[in-house]
Amino acid sequence: MVKGTITVNNKSGLHLRPASELAKIAGKLTSEITIVAGEKKVNPKSVLILMSAGIKKGTTIDIICEGENEEADLKTMLDAIAGGLGEGTE
């Protein structure tokens, strides 16, 4: 199991479009992935579940990956969020 922490800095947090992009990326990964935002723990492979976390700009989240490719999968998730998920960052 590996864990990384990142602050969501894209313009509007994880609303539908960036949540959909992140779910698409997570869905291609082989690890079991959990995003922890405050008290909420969600599976980012589901857009609806990801959106239910209410992750806004400036929210610090933990990403936990467990599986054969956990290191690479964690890096992919962190890089995607750091890149703004197609929205850019401010």
Protein backbone atom coordinates (compact mmCIF):
# COMPACT_ATOMS: atom_id res chain seq x y z
CA MET A 1 0.00 0.00 0.00
CA VAL A 2 1.23 3.48 -0.89
CA LYS A 3 -0.27 6.85 -0.06
CA GLY A 4 0.14 10.33 -1.45
CA THR A 5 -1.31 13.69 -0.44
CA ILE A 6 -2.24 16.47 -2.84
CA THR A 7 -4.30 19.65 -2.86
CA VAL A 8 -6.92 19.93 -5.60
CA ASN A 9 -6.18 23.20 -7.40
CA ASN A 10 -8.17 23.05 -10.61
CA LYS A 11 -10.63 25.92 -11.03
CA SER A 12 -13.79 24.23 -9.81
CA GLY A 13 -12.74 21.18 -7.80
CA LEU A 14 -14.07 17.77 -8.81
CA HIS A 15 -17.37 18.69 -10.43
CA LEU A 16 -18.73 16.51 -13.25
CA ARG A 17 -16.18 17.05 -16.01
CA PRO A 18 -12.94 16.73 -13.99
CA ALA A 19 -14.47 13.94 -11.87
CA SER A 20 -15.32 12.11 -15.08
CA GLU A 21 -11.77 12.58 -16.34
CA LEU A 22 -10.29 11.29 -13.06
CA ALA A 23 -12.67 8.31 -13.02
CA LYS A 24 -11.64 7.45 -16.57
CA ILE A 25 -7.96 7.55 -15.59
CA ALA A 26 -8.54 5.55 -12.38
CA GLY A 27 -10.59 2.97 -14.27
CA LYS A 28 -7.60 2.09 -16.43
CA LEU A 29 -5.39 1.40 -13.39
CA THR A 30 -5.07 -2.01 -11.78
CA SER A 31 -4.68 -0.96 -8.14
CA GLU A 32 -7.47 -0.66 -5.63
CA ILE A 33 -7.66 3.09 -5.17
CA THR A 34 -9.25 5.10 -2.39
CA ILE A 35 -9.48 8.86 -2.12
CA VAL A 36 -9.82 10.23 1.39
CA ALA A 37 -11.23 13.74 1.73
CA GLY A 38 -11.86 14.61 5.35
CA GLU A 39 -14.21 11.98 6.76
CA LYS A 40 -15.15 10.61 3.33
CA LYS A 41 -13.46 7.65 1.66
CA VAL A 42 -14.44 7.10 -1.97
CA ASN A 43 -13.57 4.92 -4.93
CA PRO A 44 -12.47 7.25 -7.75
CA LYS A 45 -13.35 4.68 -10.43
CA SER A 46 -17.01 5.75 -10.08
CA VAL A 47 -17.91 9.28 -11.20
CA LEU A 48 -21.01 9.49 -9.00
CA ILE A 49 -19.23 8.23 -5.90
CA LEU A 50 -16.31 10.58 -6.57
CA MET A 51 -18.65 13.55 -6.94
CA SER A 52 -20.42 12.60 -3.70
CA ALA A 53 -17.24 13.49 -1.80
CA GLY A 54 -17.81 17.18 -2.63
CA ILE A 55 -14.14 17.89 -3.28
CA LYS A 56 -13.67 21.60 -3.95
CA LYS A 57 -10.70 23.69 -5.03
CA GLY A 58 -8.19 23.89 -2.19
CA THR A 59 -9.22 20.57 -0.61
CA THR A 60 -6.29 18.40 0.46
CA ILE A 61 -6.90 14.73 -0.25
CA ASP A 62 -5.06 11.47 0.32
CA ILE A 63 -4.84 8.89 -2.42
CA ILE A 64 -4.23 5.31 -1.35
CA CYS A 65 -3.26 2.66 -3.90
CA GLU A 66 -2.90 -1.02 -3.21
CA GLY A 67 -1.93 -3.61 -5.80
CA GLU A 68 0.74 -4.88 -8.13
CA ASN A 69 1.33 -1.48 -9.81
CA GLU A 70 0.58 0.69 -6.79
CA GLU A 71 3.59 3.01 -7.11
CA ALA A 72 2.98 3.77 -10.80
CA ASP A 73 -0.77 4.06 -10.26
CA LEU A 74 -0.31 6.54 -7.40
CA LYS A 75 1.99 8.65 -9.58
CA THR A 76 -0.57 8.60 -12.41
CA MET A 77 -3.34 9.79 -10.09
CA LEU A 78 -1.19 12.50 -8.48
CA ASP A 79 0.04 13.75 -11.85
CA ALA A 80 -3.52 13.89 -13.23
CA ILE A 81 -4.77 15.95 -10.29
CA ALA A 82 -1.70 18.21 -10.30
CA GLY A 83 -2.31 18.85 -14.00
CA GLY A 84 -5.82 20.15 -13.32
CA LEU A 85 -7.73 17.32 -15.06
CA GLY A 86 -8.09 19.31 -18.27
CA GLU A 87 -9.05 22.57 -16.55
CA GLY A 88 -5.65 23.86 -15.58
CA THR A 89 -4.83 25.27 -12.16
CA GLU A 90 -4.82 28.74 -10.72
